[in-house]
C-alpha atoms as a PDB file:
ATOM      1  CA  MET A   1      92.986 117.004 135.320  1.00  0.00           C
ATOM      2  CA  LEU A   2      95.887 114.636 135.817  1.00  0.00           C
ATOM      3  CA  PRO A   3      99.303 116.187 136.421  1.00  0.00           C
ATOM      4  CA  PRO A   4     101.660 116.217 133.423  1.00  0.00           C
ATOM      5  CA  GLN A   5     103.614 113.018 132.969  1.00  0.00           C
ATOM      6  CA  VAL A   6     107.296 113.567 133.617  1.00  0.00           C
ATOM      7  CA  GLU A   7     109.787 111.283 131.929  1.00  0.00           C
ATOM      8  CA  THR A   8     113.547 111.344 131.883  1.00  0.00           C
ATOM      9  CA  PRO A   9     114.985 112.168 128.445  1.00  0.00           C
ATOM     10  CA  GLY A  10     117.388 109.546 127.151  1.00  0.00           C
ATOM     11  CA  SER A  11     115.836 106.655 129.043  1.00  0.00           C
ATOM     12  CA  PRO A  12     115.599 103.306 127.180  1.00  0.00           C
ATOM     13  CA  VAL A  13     112.416 102.423 125.285  1.00  0.00           C
ATOM     14  CA  VAL A  14     109.965 100.502 127.480  1.00  0.00           C
ATOM     15  CA  PRO A  15     106.414  99.287 126.702  1.00  0.00           C
ATOM     16  CA  ALA A  16     104.915 102.433 128.254  1.00  0.00           C
ATOM     17  CA  ASP A  17     107.016 104.567 125.882  1.00  0.00           C
ATOM     18  CA  ARG A  18     105.809 102.545 122.901  1.00  0.00           C
ATOM     19  CA  ARG A  19     102.190 102.962 123.963  1.00  0.00           C
ATOM     20  CA  THR A  20     102.675 106.724 124.333  1.00  0.00           C
ATOM     21  CA  ARG A  21     104.290 106.972 120.909  1.00  0.00           C
ATOM     22  CA  ASP A  22     101.419 104.989 119.418  1.00  0.00           C
ATOM     23  CA  ARG A  23      99.050 107.563 120.941  1.00  0.00           C
ATOM     24  CA  VAL A  24     101.091 110.377 119.393  1.00  0.00           C
ATOM     25  CA  LEU A  25     100.872 108.653 116.010  1.00  0.00           C
ATOM     26  CA  GLN A  26      97.128 108.150 116.389  1.00  0.00           C
ATOM     27  CA  LEU A  27      96.621 111.844 117.200  1.00  0.00           C
ATOM     28  CA  LEU A  28      98.621 112.891 114.164  1.00  0.00           C
ATOM     29  CA  LEU A  29      96.618 110.450 112.034  1.00  0.00           C
ATOM     30  CA  GLU A  30      93.398 112.083 113.264  1.00  0.00           C
ATOM     31  CA  ARG A  31      94.543 115.722 113.146  1.00  0.00           C
ATOM     32  CA  GLY A  32      96.892 115.713 110.184  1.00  0.00           C
ATOM     33  CA  THR A  33      99.388 118.078 111.845  1.00  0.00           C
ATOM     34  CA  ALA A  34     100.043 119.317 115.374  1.00  0.00           C
ATOM     35  CA  THR A  35     102.671 121.179 117.341  1.00  0.00           C
ATOM     36  CA  ALA A  36     104.566 119.675 120.232  1.00  0.00           C
ATOM     37  CA  ALA A  37     102.570 121.884 122.607  1.00  0.00           C
ATOM     38  CA  GLU A  38      99.264 120.684 121.147  1.00  0.00           C
ATOM     39  CA  LEU A  39     100.302 117.041 121.379  1.00  0.00           C
ATOM     40  CA  GLY A  40     101.600 117.475 124.919  1.00  0.00           C
ATOM     41  CA  ALA A  41      98.363 119.136 126.035  1.00  0.00           C
ATOM     42  CA  ALA A  42      96.218 116.406 124.459  1.00  0.00           C
ATOM     43  CA  LEU A  43      98.240 113.623 126.079  1.00  0.00           C
ATOM     44  CA  GLN A  44      98.954 115.478 129.344  1.00  0.00           C
ATOM     45  CA  LEU A  45     102.701 115.181 128.846  1.00  0.00           C
ATOM     46  CA  SER A  46     105.332 117.650 130.000  1.00  0.00           C
ATOM     47  CA  PRO A  47     107.300 119.562 127.305  1.00  0.00           C
ATOM     48  CA  ALA A  48     110.382 117.429 128.017  1.00  0.00           C
ATOM     49  CA  ALA A  49     108.399 114.183 127.710  1.00  0.00           C
ATOM     50  CA  ILE A  50     106.680 115.057 124.437  1.00  0.00           C
ATOM     51  CA  ARG A  51     109.991 116.235 122.951  1.00  0.00           C
ATOM     52  CA  LYS A  52     111.570 112.894 123.866  1.00  0.00           C
ATOM     53  CA  HIS A  53     108.826 110.957 122.091  1.00  0.00           C
ATOM     54  CA  LEU A  54     108.847 113.220 119.039  1.00  0.00           C
ATOM     55  CA  ASP A  55     112.647 112.963 118.755  1.00  0.00           C
ATOM     56  CA  ALA A  56     112.350 109.159 118.823  1.00  0.00           C
ATOM     57  CA  LEU A  57     109.607 109.193 116.178  1.00  0.00           C
ATOM     58  CA  LEU A  58     111.693 111.514 113.985  1.00  0.00           C
ATOM     59  CA  THR A  59     114.672 109.162 114.298  1.00  0.00           C
ATOM     60  CA  ASP A  60     112.492 106.157 113.427  1.00  0.00           C
ATOM     61  CA  GLY A  61     111.152 107.946 110.356  1.00  0.00           C
ATOM     62  CA  ASP A  62     107.544 107.923 111.594  1.00  0.00           C
ATOM     63  CA  VAL A  63     107.074 111.708 111.638  1.00  0.00           C
ATOM     64  CA  VAL A  64     108.505 114.754 109.887  1.00  0.00           C
ATOM     65  CA  ALA A  65     108.698 118.332 111.142  1.00  0.00           C
ATOM     66  CA  ARG A  66     108.239 121.585 109.259  1.00  0.00           C
ATOM     67  CA  GLN A  67     107.602 125.225 110.040  1.00  0.00           C
ATOM     68  CA  ARG A  68     103.954 126.224 110.287  1.00  0.00           C
ATOM     69  CA  PRO A  69     103.131 128.866 107.632  1.00  0.00           C
ATOM     70  CA  VAL A  70     103.051 132.379 109.067  1.00  0.00           C
ATOM     71  CA  ARG A  71      99.644 134.023 108.786  1.00  0.00           C
ATOM     72  CA  ALA A  72      99.308 137.699 107.924  1.00  0.00           C
ATOM     73  CA  GLY A  73      99.273 139.925 110.975  1.00  0.00           C
ATOM     74  CA  ARG A  74     101.077 137.403 113.149  1.00  0.00           C
ATOM     75  CA  GLY A  75     103.433 138.936 115.673  1.00  0.00           C
ATOM     76  CA  ARG A  76     107.184 138.628 115.492  1.00  0.00           C
ATOM     77  CA  GLY A  77     108.843 135.473 116.690  1.00  0.00           C
ATOM     78  CA  ARG A  78     109.902 132.093 115.467  1.00  0.00           C
ATOM     79  CA  PRO A  79     107.117 130.164 113.632  1.00  0.00           C
ATOM     80  CA  ALA A  80     105.841 127.098 115.445  1.00  0.00           C
ATOM     81  CA  LYS A  81     107.129 123.739 114.256  1.00  0.00           C
ATOM     82  CA  VAL A  82     104.404 121.258 113.276  1.00  0.00           C
ATOM     83  CA  PHE A  83     104.651 117.490 113.033  1.00  0.00           C
ATOM     84  CA  THR A  84     102.946 115.134 110.612  1.00  0.00           C
ATOM     85  CA  LEU A  85     103.106 111.433 109.790  1.00  0.00           C
ATOM     86  CA  THR A  86     105.325 110.074 107.049  1.00  0.00           C
ATOM     87  CA  ASP A  87     103.622 108.099 104.289  1.00  0.00           C
ATOM     88  CA  ALA A  88     104.956 104.826 105.720  1.00  0.00           C
ATOM     89  CA  ALA A  89     103.647 105.592 109.211  1.00  0.00           C
ATOM     90  CA  ARG A  90     100.267 106.696 107.852  1.00  0.00           C
ATOM     91  CA  LEU A  91      99.909 103.429 105.962  1.00  0.00           C
ATOM     92  CA  ARG A  92     100.895 101.403 109.028  1.00  0.00           C
ATOM     93  CA  CYS A  93      98.552 103.293 111.362  1.00  0.00           C
ATOM     94  CA  GLY A  94      95.726 102.995 108.860  1.00  0.00           C
ATOM     95  CA  ARG A  95      95.872  99.220 109.139  1.00  0.00           C
ATOM     96  CA  HIS A  96      94.680  99.484 112.741  1.00  0.00           C
ATOM     97  CA  THR A  97      91.418 100.943 111.425  1.00  0.00           C
ATOM     98  CA  TYR A  98      90.771  97.693 109.571  1.00  0.00           C
ATOM     99  CA  ASP A  99      91.784  95.671 112.630  1.00  0.00           C
ATOM    100  CA  ASN A 100      89.300  97.620 114.747  1.00  0.00           C
ATOM    101  CA  MET A 101      86.554  97.027 112.202  1.00  0.00           C
ATOM    102  CA  ALA A 102      87.364  93.305 112.056  1.00  0.00           C
ATOM    103  CA  ASN A 103      87.277  93.084 115.858  1.00  0.00           C
ATOM    104  CA  ALA A 104      83.929  94.885 115.924  1.00  0.00           C
ATOM    105  CA  ALA A 105      82.528  92.537 113.272  1.00  0.00           C
ATOM    106  CA  LEU A 106      83.646  89.441 115.180  1.00  0.00           C
ATOM    107  CA  ARG A 107      82.179  90.793 118.409  1.00  0.00           C
ATOM    108  CA  TRP A 108      78.876  91.233 116.585  1.00  0.00           C
ATOM    109  CA  ILE A 109      79.093  87.678 115.228  1.00  0.00           C
ATOM    110  CA  ALA A 110      79.836  86.339 118.719  1.00  0.00           C
ATOM    111  CA  ALA A 111      76.946  88.284 120.276  1.00  0.00           C
ATOM    112  CA  ASN A 112      74.378  87.475 117.615  1.00  0.00           C
ATOM    113  CA  GLY A 113      75.486  84.144 116.201  1.00  0.00           C
ATOM    114  CA  GLY A 114      75.643  82.136 119.396  1.00  0.00           C
ATOM    115  CA  ASP A 115      78.288  79.702 120.594  1.00  0.00           C
ATOM    116  CA  GLY A 116      80.604  78.530 117.860  1.00  0.00           C
ATOM    117  CA  ALA A 117      79.756  81.284 115.371  1.00  0.00           C
ATOM    118  CA  VAL A 118      83.216  82.877 115.471  1.00  0.00           C
ATOM    119  CA  GLY A 119      84.867  79.474 115.133  1.00  0.00           C
ATOM    120  CA  ALA A 120      82.709  78.635 112.117  1.00  0.00           C
ATOM    121  CA  PHE A 121      83.567  81.984 110.544  1.00  0.00           C
ATOM    122  CA  ALA A 122      87.291  81.434 111.175  1.00  0.00           C
ATOM    123  CA  ALA A 123      87.156  77.943 109.640  1.00  0.00           C
ATOM    124  CA  GLU A 124      85.504  79.317 106.525  1.00  0.00           C
ATOM    125  CA  GLN A 125      88.101  82.088 106.232  1.00  0.00           C
ATOM    126  CA  VAL A 126      91.056  79.672 106.244  1.00  0.00           C
ATOM    127  CA  ALA A 127      89.391  77.163 103.890  1.00  0.00           C
ATOM    128  CA  ALA A 128      90.680  78.968 100.790  1.00  0.00           C
ATOM    129  CA  LEU A 129      94.203  79.122 102.265  1.00  0.00           C
ATOM    130  CA  GLU A 130      94.047  75.390 102.960  1.00  0.00           C
ATOM    131  CA  SER A 131      92.994  74.669  99.386  1.00  0.00           C
ATOM    132  CA  ARG A 132      95.816  76.747  97.904  1.00  0.00           C
ATOM    133  CA  CYS A 133      98.432  75.183 100.170  1.00  0.00           C
ATOM    134  CA  GLN A 134      97.151  71.694  99.401  1.00  0.00           C
ATOM    135  CA  GLU A 135      97.643  72.303  95.696  1.00  0.00           C
ATOM    136  CA  ALA A 136     101.128  73.693  96.303  1.00  0.00           C
ATOM    137  CA  MET A 137     102.040  70.620  98.369  1.00  0.00           C
ATOM    138  CA  ALA A 138     101.150  68.087  95.692  1.00  0.00           C
ATOM    139  CA  GLY A 139     103.893  65.461  95.531  1.00  0.00           C
ATOM    140  CA  ALA A 140     105.229  66.150  99.054  1.00  0.00           C
ATOM    141  CA  GLY A 141     104.693  62.515 100.063  1.00  0.00           C
ATOM    142  CA  ASP A 142     103.306  61.112 103.299  1.00  0.00           C
ATOM    143  CA  ASP A 143     106.061  61.950 105.796  1.00  0.00           C
ATOM    144  CA  PRO A 144     104.734  64.718 108.117  1.00  0.00           C
ATOM    145  CA  ILE A 145     108.108  66.469 108.341  1.00  0.00           C
ATOM    146  CA  ALA A 146     108.515  66.533 104.561  1.00  0.00           C
ATOM    147  CA  ARG A 147     104.959  67.805 104.264  1.00  0.00           C
ATOM    148  CA  ALA A 148     105.707  70.494 106.873  1.00  0.00           C
ATOM    149  CA  GLU A 149     108.646  71.669 104.757  1.00  0.00           C
ATOM    150  CA  ALA A 150     106.408  71.854 101.689  1.00  0.00           C
ATOM    151  CA  LEU A 151     103.756  73.656 103.742  1.00  0.00           C
ATOM    152  CA  ALA A 152     106.351  76.187 104.921  1.00  0.00           C
ATOM    153  CA  ASP A 153     107.154  77.007 101.295  1.00  0.00           C
ATOM    154  CA  ALA A 154     103.446  77.355 100.506  1.00  0.00           C
ATOM    155  CA  LEU A 155     102.842  79.605 103.520  1.00  0.00           C
ATOM    156  CA  THR A 156     105.849  81.754 102.642  1.00  0.00           C
ATOM    157  CA  ALA A 157     104.334  82.307  99.210  1.00  0.00           C
ATOM    158  CA  GLU A 158     101.188  83.473 101.059  1.00  0.00           C
ATOM    159  CA  GLY A 159     103.210  86.028 103.059  1.00  0.00           C
ATOM    160  CA  TYR A 160     103.667  84.135 106.335  1.00  0.00           C
ATOM    161  CA  ALA A 161     107.501  83.956 106.164  1.00  0.00           C
ATOM    162  CA  ALA A 162     107.494  80.322 107.301  1.00  0.00           C
ATOM    163  CA  ASN A 163     110.140  77.663 107.670  1.00  0.00           C
ATOM    164  CA  ALA A 164     110.211  74.073 108.936  1.00  0.00           C
ATOM    165  CA  SER A 165     112.962  72.161 110.677  1.00  0.00           C
ATOM    166  CA  THR A 166     113.636  68.786 112.247  1.00  0.00           C
ATOM    167  CA  ILE A 167     114.139  68.717 116.026  1.00  0.00           C
ATOM    168  CA  ALA A 168     114.789  65.947 118.536  1.00  0.00           C
ATOM    169  CA  THR A 169     111.087  65.400 119.259  1.00  0.00           C
ATOM    170  CA  GLY A 170     109.896  65.545 115.643  1.00  0.00           C
ATOM    171  CA  GLY A 171     109.501  68.698 113.591  1.00  0.00           C
ATOM    172  CA  GLN A 172     108.744  72.365 113.993  1.00  0.00           C
ATOM    173  CA  LEU A 173     106.898  74.795 111.740  1.00  0.00           C
ATOM    174  CA  CYS A 174     107.572  78.490 112.377  1.00  0.00           C
ATOM    175  CA  GLN A 175     105.669  81.448 110.942  1.00  0.00           C
ATOM    176  CA  HIS A 176     107.429  84.787 111.356  1.00  0.00           C
ATOM    177  CA  HIS A 177     104.505  86.909 110.190  1.00  0.00           C
ATOM    178  CA  CYS A 178     100.777  86.826 111.011  1.00  0.00           C
ATOM    179  CA  PRO A 179      98.449  89.029 108.934  1.00  0.00           C
ATOM    180  CA  VAL A 180      95.672  88.861 111.550  1.00  0.00           C
ATOM    181  CA  ALA A 181      97.699  89.069 114.763  1.00  0.00           C
ATOM    182  CA  HIS A 182      95.844  92.068 116.234  1.00  0.00           C
ATOM    183  CA  VAL A 183      92.448  90.439 115.651  1.00  0.00           C
ATOM    184  CA  ALA A 184      93.552  86.974 116.776  1.00  0.00           C
ATOM    185  CA  ALA A 185      94.739  88.450 120.079  1.00  0.00           C
ATOM    186  CA  GLU A 186      91.065  88.919 120.982  1.00  0.00           C
ATOM    187  CA  PHE A 187      89.667  85.981 119.014  1.00  0.00           C
ATOM    188  CA  PRO A 188      91.891  82.878 119.424  1.00  0.00           C
ATOM    189  CA  GLU A 189      89.444  80.966 117.230  1.00  0.00           C
ATOM    190  CA  LEU A 190      91.442  82.317 114.267  1.00  0.00           C
ATOM    191  CA  CYS A 191      94.609  80.642 115.564  1.00  0.00           C
ATOM    192  CA  GLU A 192      92.687  77.448 116.352  1.00  0.00           C
ATOM    193  CA  ALA A 193      91.292  77.268 112.821  1.00  0.00           C
ATOM    194  CA  GLU A 194      94.769  77.788 111.367  1.00  0.00           C
ATOM    195  CA  THR A 195      96.212  75.087 113.634  1.00  0.00           C
ATOM    196  CA  ALA A 196      93.530  72.662 112.433  1.00  0.00           C
ATOM    197  CA  VAL A 197      94.507  73.444 108.827  1.00  0.00           C
ATOM    198  CA  ILE A 198      98.186  72.771 109.591  1.00  0.00           C
ATOM    199  CA  SER A 199      97.249  69.458 111.205  1.00  0.00           C
ATOM    200  CA  ARG A 200      95.249  68.344 108.184  1.00  0.00           C
ATOM    201  CA  LEU A 201      97.907  69.444 105.714  1.00  0.00           C
ATOM    202  CA  VAL A 202     100.832  67.708 107.435  1.00  0.00           C
ATOM    203  CA  GLY A 203      98.647  64.671 108.105  1.00  0.00           C
ATOM    204  CA  THR A 204      99.034  64.306 111.856  1.00  0.00           C
ATOM    205  CA  HIS A 205      98.186  65.881 115.195  1.00  0.00           C
ATOM    206  CA  VAL A 206     100.162  69.067 115.892  1.00  0.00           C
ATOM    207  CA  GLN A 207     100.509  71.374 118.877  1.00  0.00           C
ATOM    208  CA  ARG A 208     100.794  75.153 118.848  1.00  0.00           C
ATOM    209  CA  LEU A 209     103.524  76.201 121.270  1.00  0.00           C
ATOM    210  CA  ALA A 210     103.533  79.955 120.641  1.00  0.00           C
ATOM    211  CA  THR A 211     101.676  82.586 118.634  1.00  0.00           C
ATOM    212  CA  ILE A 212     102.445  86.140 117.578  1.00  0.00           C
ATOM    213  CA  ALA A 213      98.880  87.068 118.544  1.00  0.00           C
ATOM    214  CA  HIS A 214      99.665  86.325 122.187  1.00  0.00           C
ATOM    215  CA  GLY A 215     102.908  88.271 122.294  1.00  0.00           C
ATOM    216  CA  ASP A 216     105.417  85.668 121.127  1.00  0.00           C
ATOM    217  CA  GLY A 217     107.897  86.587 118.447  1.00  0.00           C
ATOM    218  CA  VAL A 218     107.008  83.658 116.191  1.00  0.00           C
ATOM    219  CA  CYS A 219     104.042  81.321 115.676  1.00  0.00           C
ATOM    220  CA  THR A 220     105.537  77.912 116.490  1.00  0.00           C
ATOM    221  CA  THR A 221     103.814  74.591 115.788  1.00  0.00           C
ATOM    222  CA  HIS A 222     105.252  71.304 117.053  1.00  0.00           C
ATOM    223  CA  ILE A 223     104.917  68.191 114.899  1.00  0.00           C
ATOM    224  CA  PRO A 224     105.487  65.105 117.068  1.00  0.00           C
ATOM    225  CA  ALA A 225     107.808  62.359 115.814  1.00  0.00           C
ATOM    226  CA  GLN A 226     105.813  59.612 114.133  1.00  0.00           C
ATOM    227  CA  PRO A 227     106.071  55.938 115.078  1.00  0.00           C
ATOM    228  CA  THR A 228     106.928  53.615 112.210  1.00  0.00           C
ATOM    229  CA  GLY A 229     103.941  52.699 110.109  1.00  0.00           C
ATOM    230  CA  THR A 230     101.830  55.740 111.050  1.00  0.00           C
ATOM    231  CA  VAL A 231      98.998  56.374 108.595  1.00  0.00           C
ATOM    232  CA  ARG A 232      98.148  59.920 107.625  1.00  0.00           C
ATOM    233  CA  THR A 233      94.965  61.207 109.176  1.00  0.00           C
ATOM    234  CA  ASP A 234      93.664  62.953 106.028  1.00  0.00           C
ATOM    235  CA  LYS A 235      93.479  59.826 103.915  1.00  0.00           C
END
């Protein structure tokens, strides 16, 4: 057995802390309730370390604490405090179950469908999004930057929290939310299919500079400045 992990209470949140707290949340999702001692034993954390993580989760509103009901015949002493997930945390953690299933399905497609199967699946998945955005962009004109602004509005209506802006080298489309980020981290074909859709909708070649799936804060797509007289590629 590994020795208990010792952490200094009051230290700033670091990635390792976040991973540990995610493990605490996952345990509570699986067990329903647990005491600090039970969580510490399962995760091989010292009492001080598990208390630090539970205090942080209580502050963030991810868990709540209550007294465990006293059973008949129990000896004297203070009842143990048990922790459970809040409704918001349970809903958020539950989404990872769907992400895991989606990852498993795409692994199966990759293993059994041969080269290009995941890419073909991704292209089919974004086809409906492309169609809806195309309808929403009717009347946007031919200018790629103007079309990017119309696309940003269409994507925002789809839940992507997007915006477009003009920069020195052309334009930039930013998406502040990605509904498939956890899956796309393993299968970049999803990002590639979405980038191809953006290119077709704005009518010119574009370049993805950053994605949420790969740890960036925003999905950023660069739209190069167009020389005079450029003809849209989707005509």
